[in-house]
């Protein structure tokens, strides 16, 4: 499991290795965020790579503030097993929800009737 955010940006950011790393990553994510919705909307596969796009939303457990984010998850497969996972989020939406900060520009656009803040 690979997160491309500096350690400390989000509780689950960083690199989580081995079989024990996956449940530790999920524990860190689930301790901070409550997902009310996580819906895949596209999936692509070519060779040993699978890309899954989904929409997630919910709230940060420490603050109760909502978040929404489209998420890209890239799986690298080897002999039918997942050997690497990379996740890409609207990091600003998660940080804003966790730290009681203003909404991200993407969240403002989503709330706006015309897609503009």
N, C-alpha and C. Protein backbone atom coordinates (compact mmCIF):
# COMPACT_ATOMS: atom_id res chain seq x y z
N UNK A 1 0.86 -1.16 0.00
CA UNK A 1 0.00 0.00 0.00
C UNK A 1 0.91 1.22 0.00
N UNK A 2 0.74 2.10 -0.95
CA UNK A 2 1.57 3.28 -1.04
C UNK A 2 0.70 4.52 -1.05
N UNK A 3 0.97 5.45 -0.15
CA UNK A 3 0.31 6.75 -0.15
C UNK A 3 1.33 7.80 -0.53
N UNK A 4 0.99 8.68 -1.42
CA UNK A 4 1.95 9.67 -1.91
C UNK A 4 1.81 11.01 -1.20
N UNK A 5 1.52 10.99 0.06
CA UNK A 5 1.43 12.21 0.86
C UNK A 5 2.48 12.13 1.95
N UNK A 6 3.05 13.27 2.33
CA UNK A 6 4.03 13.24 3.41
C UNK A 6 3.43 12.68 4.69
N UNK A 7 4.23 11.93 5.40
CA UNK A 7 3.80 11.40 6.70
C UNK A 7 3.26 12.56 7.53
N UNK A 8 2.16 12.36 8.20
CA UNK A 8 1.59 13.39 9.05
C UNK A 8 0.54 14.24 8.36
N UNK A 9 0.49 14.24 7.01
CA UNK A 9 -0.53 15.00 6.30
C UNK A 9 -1.90 14.42 6.61
N UNK A 10 -2.01 13.13 6.47
CA UNK A 10 -3.22 12.39 6.79
C UNK A 10 -2.79 11.19 7.65
N UNK A 11 -3.63 10.76 8.58
CA UNK A 11 -3.22 9.66 9.48
C UNK A 11 -2.83 8.37 8.76
N UNK A 12 -3.35 8.13 7.58
CA UNK A 12 -3.08 6.91 6.85
C UNK A 12 -2.06 7.12 5.73
N UNK A 13 -1.48 8.34 5.61
CA UNK A 13 -0.51 8.63 4.56
C UNK A 13 0.79 7.88 4.80
N UNK A 14 1.52 7.68 3.74
CA UNK A 14 2.81 7.04 3.86
C UNK A 14 2.83 5.71 3.15
N UNK A 15 3.80 4.91 3.47
CA UNK A 15 3.96 3.60 2.85
C UNK A 15 3.69 2.53 3.89
N UNK A 16 2.83 1.59 3.53
CA UNK A 16 2.45 0.48 4.40
C UNK A 16 2.86 -0.79 3.67
N UNK A 17 3.74 -1.57 4.25
CA UNK A 17 4.31 -2.72 3.54
C UNK A 17 3.86 -4.05 4.14
N UNK A 18 3.79 -5.03 3.24
CA UNK A 18 3.53 -6.40 3.66
C UNK A 18 2.07 -6.66 3.96
N UNK A 19 1.79 -7.92 4.23
CA UNK A 19 0.42 -8.31 4.55
C UNK A 19 -0.12 -7.60 5.77
N UNK A 20 0.76 -7.33 6.74
CA UNK A 20 0.32 -6.62 7.94
C UNK A 20 0.08 -5.15 7.68
N UNK A 21 0.65 -4.60 6.60
CA UNK A 21 0.48 -3.19 6.28
C UNK A 21 -0.93 -2.84 5.83
N UNK A 22 -1.57 -3.74 5.10
CA UNK A 22 -2.92 -3.45 4.58
C UNK A 22 -3.92 -3.24 5.71
N UNK A 23 -4.04 -4.17 6.68
CA UNK A 23 -4.99 -3.91 7.76
C UNK A 23 -4.60 -2.71 8.62
N UNK A 24 -3.30 -2.45 8.77
CA UNK A 24 -2.87 -1.27 9.53
C UNK A 24 -3.29 0.01 8.80
N UNK A 25 -3.19 0.01 7.46
CA UNK A 25 -3.63 1.16 6.67
C UNK A 25 -5.14 1.37 6.84
N UNK A 26 -5.91 0.28 6.70
CA UNK A 26 -7.37 0.40 6.87
C UNK A 26 -7.73 0.85 8.28
N UNK A 27 -7.01 0.35 9.28
CA UNK A 27 -7.27 0.78 10.67
C UNK A 27 -7.05 2.28 10.83
N UNK A 28 -5.94 2.79 10.26
CA UNK A 28 -5.64 4.22 10.36
C UNK A 28 -6.70 5.05 9.63
N UNK A 29 -7.09 4.61 8.44
CA UNK A 29 -8.12 5.32 7.67
C UNK A 29 -9.45 5.29 8.42
N UNK A 30 -9.87 4.12 8.86
CA UNK A 30 -11.17 3.98 9.51
C UNK A 30 -11.23 4.61 10.89
N UNK A 31 -10.10 4.80 11.54
CA UNK A 31 -10.08 5.50 12.83
C UNK A 31 -10.36 6.99 12.64
N UNK A 32 -10.02 7.52 11.47
CA UNK A 32 -10.16 8.95 11.22
C UNK A 32 -11.40 9.31 10.42
N UNK A 33 -11.81 8.46 9.50
CA UNK A 33 -12.87 8.80 8.56
C UNK A 33 -13.99 7.76 8.60
N UNK A 34 -15.21 8.24 8.49
CA UNK A 34 -16.39 7.37 8.39
C UNK A 34 -16.97 7.57 6.99
N UNK A 35 -16.94 6.52 6.19
CA UNK A 35 -17.49 6.60 4.83
C UNK A 35 -18.97 6.26 4.86
N UNK A 36 -19.78 7.17 4.33
CA UNK A 36 -21.21 6.91 4.16
C UNK A 36 -21.49 6.38 2.75
N UNK A 37 -20.55 6.66 1.86
CA UNK A 37 -20.70 6.26 0.47
C UNK A 37 -19.32 6.01 -0.12
N UNK A 38 -19.17 4.90 -0.79
CA UNK A 38 -17.96 4.57 -1.54
C UNK A 38 -18.40 3.76 -2.74
N UNK A 39 -18.56 4.44 -3.87
CA UNK A 39 -19.13 3.80 -5.06
C UNK A 39 -18.16 3.83 -6.22
N UNK A 40 -17.77 2.65 -6.72
CA UNK A 40 -16.93 2.62 -7.92
C UNK A 40 -17.74 3.09 -9.12
N UNK A 41 -17.09 3.84 -10.03
CA UNK A 41 -17.80 4.26 -11.23
C UNK A 41 -17.04 3.94 -12.51
N UNK A 42 -15.77 3.58 -12.42
CA UNK A 42 -15.03 3.14 -13.61
C UNK A 42 -13.94 2.18 -13.18
N UNK A 43 -13.62 1.24 -14.08
CA UNK A 43 -12.53 0.31 -13.82
C UNK A 43 -11.85 0.01 -15.16
N UNK A 44 -10.53 0.02 -15.12
CA UNK A 44 -9.73 -0.26 -16.31
C UNK A 44 -8.70 -1.31 -15.94
N UNK A 45 -8.40 -2.18 -16.91
CA UNK A 45 -7.36 -3.19 -16.68
C UNK A 45 -6.55 -3.35 -17.95
N UNK A 46 -5.25 -3.40 -17.78
CA UNK A 46 -4.35 -3.69 -18.88
C UNK A 46 -3.10 -4.35 -18.32
N UNK A 47 -2.81 -5.53 -18.81
CA UNK A 47 -1.65 -6.25 -18.31
C UNK A 47 -1.78 -6.50 -16.82
N UNK A 48 -0.77 -6.09 -16.06
CA UNK A 48 -0.75 -6.30 -14.61
C UNK A 48 -1.28 -5.10 -13.83
N UNK A 49 -1.92 -4.17 -14.51
CA UNK A 49 -2.40 -2.95 -13.85
C UNK A 49 -3.93 -2.86 -13.91
N UNK A 50 -4.53 -2.58 -12.76
CA UNK A 50 -5.97 -2.33 -12.68
C UNK A 50 -6.15 -0.96 -12.03
N UNK A 51 -6.97 -0.13 -12.66
CA UNK A 51 -7.28 1.19 -12.11
C UNK A 51 -8.76 1.23 -11.79
N UNK A 52 -9.08 1.60 -10.57
CA UNK A 52 -10.46 1.72 -10.14
C UNK A 52 -10.70 3.16 -9.69
N UNK A 53 -11.75 3.77 -10.23
CA UNK A 53 -12.14 5.11 -9.84
C UNK A 53 -13.43 5.01 -9.06
N UNK A 54 -13.49 5.69 -7.92
CA UNK A 54 -14.74 5.69 -7.18
C UNK A 54 -14.94 7.00 -6.45
N UNK A 55 -16.17 7.21 -6.05
CA UNK A 55 -16.54 8.41 -5.31
C UNK A 55 -16.74 8.02 -3.85
N UNK A 56 -16.11 8.77 -2.96
CA UNK A 56 -16.26 8.53 -1.54
C UNK A 56 -16.74 9.78 -0.84
N UNK A 57 -17.58 9.59 0.15
CA UNK A 57 -18.00 10.72 0.98
C UNK A 57 -18.40 10.21 2.35
N UNK A 58 -18.30 11.10 3.31
CA UNK A 58 -18.62 10.75 4.68
C UNK A 58 -18.24 11.90 5.58
N UNK A 59 -17.70 11.58 6.77
CA UNK A 59 -17.29 12.64 7.70
C UNK A 59 -16.05 12.20 8.47
N UNK A 60 -15.31 13.21 8.92
CA UNK A 60 -14.13 12.95 9.75
C UNK A 60 -14.62 12.66 11.17
N UNK A 61 -14.18 11.58 11.76
CA UNK A 61 -14.63 11.21 13.10
C UNK A 61 -14.24 12.24 14.16
N UNK A 62 -13.02 12.80 14.12
CA UNK A 62 -12.65 13.74 15.19
C UNK A 62 -13.44 15.05 15.19
N UNK A 63 -13.88 15.50 13.98
CA UNK A 63 -14.53 16.82 13.89
C UNK A 63 -16.00 16.75 13.50
N UNK A 64 -16.41 15.64 12.89
CA UNK A 64 -17.77 15.53 12.38
C UNK A 64 -17.97 16.25 11.05
N UNK A 65 -16.93 16.87 10.52
CA UNK A 65 -17.04 17.62 9.25
C UNK A 65 -17.09 16.68 8.07
N UNK A 66 -17.90 17.02 7.06
CA UNK A 66 -18.05 16.16 5.89
C UNK A 66 -16.86 16.27 4.93
N UNK A 67 -16.72 15.24 4.11
CA UNK A 67 -15.76 15.26 3.01
C UNK A 67 -16.39 14.55 1.82
N UNK A 68 -15.93 14.92 0.64
CA UNK A 68 -16.29 14.25 -0.60
C UNK A 68 -15.04 14.22 -1.46
N UNK A 69 -14.83 13.10 -2.14
CA UNK A 69 -13.64 12.99 -2.98
C UNK A 69 -13.82 11.90 -4.01
N UNK A 70 -13.42 12.17 -5.23
CA UNK A 70 -13.22 11.10 -6.18
C UNK A 70 -11.84 10.53 -5.88
N UNK A 71 -11.72 9.23 -5.98
CA UNK A 71 -10.51 8.53 -5.57
C UNK A 71 -10.07 7.62 -6.72
N UNK A 72 -8.78 7.64 -7.01
CA UNK A 72 -8.21 6.71 -7.98
C UNK A 72 -7.35 5.72 -7.21
N UNK A 73 -7.59 4.46 -7.46
CA UNK A 73 -6.81 3.40 -6.81
C UNK A 73 -6.19 2.58 -7.94
N UNK A 74 -4.86 2.46 -7.90
CA UNK A 74 -4.13 1.73 -8.93
C UNK A 74 -3.53 0.48 -8.30
N UNK A 75 -3.93 -0.66 -8.82
CA UNK A 75 -3.45 -1.95 -8.33
C UNK A 75 -2.41 -2.50 -9.31
N UNK A 76 -1.32 -3.01 -8.79
CA UNK A 76 -0.35 -3.75 -9.58
C UNK A 76 -0.49 -5.21 -9.17
N UNK A 77 -0.70 -6.06 -10.17
CA UNK A 77 -0.94 -7.48 -9.92
C UNK A 77 0.29 -8.29 -10.36
N UNK A 78 0.50 -9.40 -9.69
CA UNK A 78 1.54 -10.34 -10.09
C UNK A 78 1.04 -11.74 -9.78
N UNK A 79 0.93 -12.55 -10.82
CA UNK A 79 0.44 -13.93 -10.68
C UNK A 79 -0.91 -13.97 -9.96
N UNK A 80 -1.80 -13.05 -10.33
CA UNK A 80 -3.16 -13.03 -9.77
C UNK A 80 -3.28 -12.44 -8.39
N UNK A 81 -2.21 -11.88 -7.83
CA UNK A 81 -2.25 -11.28 -6.49
C UNK A 81 -1.90 -9.80 -6.55
N UNK A 82 -2.49 -9.06 -5.66
CA UNK A 82 -2.18 -7.64 -5.55
C UNK A 82 -0.83 -7.50 -4.86
N UNK A 83 0.11 -6.81 -5.52
CA UNK A 83 1.43 -6.61 -4.92
C UNK A 83 1.70 -5.14 -4.59
N UNK A 84 0.87 -4.26 -5.12
CA UNK A 84 1.03 -2.83 -4.83
C UNK A 84 -0.29 -2.13 -5.05
N UNK A 85 -0.59 -1.17 -4.16
CA UNK A 85 -1.80 -0.35 -4.30
C UNK A 85 -1.38 1.10 -4.09
N UNK A 86 -1.78 1.96 -5.01
CA UNK A 86 -1.53 3.39 -4.86
C UNK A 86 -2.89 4.09 -4.86
N UNK A 87 -3.07 5.03 -3.93
CA UNK A 87 -4.33 5.75 -3.78
C UNK A 87 -4.11 7.23 -4.01
N UNK A 88 -5.04 7.86 -4.72
CA UNK A 88 -4.96 9.30 -4.98
C UNK A 88 -6.31 9.91 -4.61
N UNK A 89 -6.28 10.88 -3.68
CA UNK A 89 -7.48 11.51 -3.13
C UNK A 89 -7.46 13.00 -3.42
N UNK A 90 -8.60 13.66 -3.15
CA UNK A 90 -8.64 15.11 -3.01
C UNK A 90 -8.16 15.38 -1.58
N UNK A 91 -6.86 15.42 -1.42
CA UNK A 91 -6.27 15.53 -0.09
C UNK A 91 -6.80 16.73 0.67
N UNK A 92 -7.00 17.85 -0.03
CA UNK A 92 -7.49 19.06 0.63
C UNK A 92 -8.84 18.82 1.30
N UNK A 93 -9.71 18.02 0.68
CA UNK A 93 -11.02 17.74 1.27
C UNK A 93 -10.89 16.97 2.58
N UNK A 94 -9.97 16.00 2.62
CA UNK A 94 -9.76 15.22 3.83
C UNK A 94 -9.10 16.05 4.92
N UNK A 95 -8.10 16.83 4.55
CA UNK A 95 -7.42 17.67 5.53
C UNK A 95 -8.39 18.69 6.11
N UNK A 96 -9.21 19.31 5.25
CA UNK A 96 -10.19 20.30 5.73
C UNK A 96 -11.17 19.66 6.70
N UNK A 97 -11.62 18.45 6.41
CA UNK A 97 -12.56 17.77 7.30
C UNK A 97 -11.90 17.39 8.63
N UNK A 98 -10.66 16.96 8.57
CA UNK A 98 -9.96 16.53 9.79
C UNK A 98 -9.52 17.69 10.67
N UNK A 99 -9.15 18.78 10.06
CA UNK A 99 -8.55 19.88 10.81
C UNK A 99 -9.48 21.06 10.99
N UNK A 100 -10.74 20.88 10.65
CA UNK A 100 -11.72 21.95 10.81
C UNK A 100 -11.30 23.19 10.02
N UNK A 101 -10.83 22.94 8.76
CA UNK A 101 -10.41 24.03 7.87
C UNK A 101 -11.53 24.34 6.89
N UNK A 102 -11.44 25.45 6.16
CA UNK A 102 -12.44 25.75 5.14
C UNK A 102 -12.49 24.65 4.08
N UNK A 103 -13.61 24.58 3.37
CA UNK A 103 -13.77 23.59 2.31
C UNK A 103 -12.73 23.78 1.22
N UNK A 104 -12.41 22.68 0.53
CA UNK A 104 -11.51 22.74 -0.61
C UNK A 104 -12.25 23.38 -1.79
N UNK A 105 -11.52 23.89 -2.79
CA UNK A 105 -12.19 24.44 -3.98
C UNK A 105 -13.10 23.42 -4.66
N UNK A 106 -12.69 22.15 -4.69
CA UNK A 106 -13.54 21.12 -5.31
C UNK A 106 -14.85 20.95 -4.55
N UNK A 107 -14.80 21.00 -3.21
CA UNK A 107 -16.04 20.89 -2.43
C UNK A 107 -16.95 22.08 -2.70
N UNK A 108 -16.40 23.28 -2.80
CA UNK A 108 -17.21 24.46 -3.09
C UNK A 108 -17.86 24.35 -4.46
N UNK A 109 -17.10 23.89 -5.47
CA UNK A 109 -17.66 23.73 -6.82
C UNK A 109 -18.81 22.73 -6.80
N UNK A 110 -18.64 21.65 -6.05
CA UNK A 110 -19.66 20.61 -6.01
C UNK A 110 -20.96 21.13 -5.40
N UNK A 111 -20.86 21.99 -4.41
CA UNK A 111 -22.06 22.54 -3.77
C UNK A 111 -22.73 23.60 -4.62
N UNK A 112 -21.97 24.25 -5.48
CA UNK A 112 -22.51 25.35 -6.29
C UNK A 112 -23.42 24.81 -7.39
N UNK A 113 -24.56 25.48 -7.64
CA UNK A 113 -25.49 24.99 -8.66
C UNK A 113 -24.88 24.98 -10.06
N UNK A 114 -23.94 25.85 -10.34
CA UNK A 114 -23.33 25.90 -11.67
C UNK A 114 -21.94 25.30 -11.71
N UNK A 115 -21.52 24.65 -10.64
CA UNK A 115 -20.21 24.05 -10.60
C UNK A 115 -19.08 25.03 -10.38
N UNK A 116 -19.42 26.25 -9.90
CA UNK A 116 -18.41 27.26 -9.60
C UNK A 116 -18.56 27.70 -8.15
N UNK A 117 -17.47 28.07 -7.51
CA UNK A 117 -17.58 28.54 -6.11
C UNK A 117 -18.39 29.80 -5.97
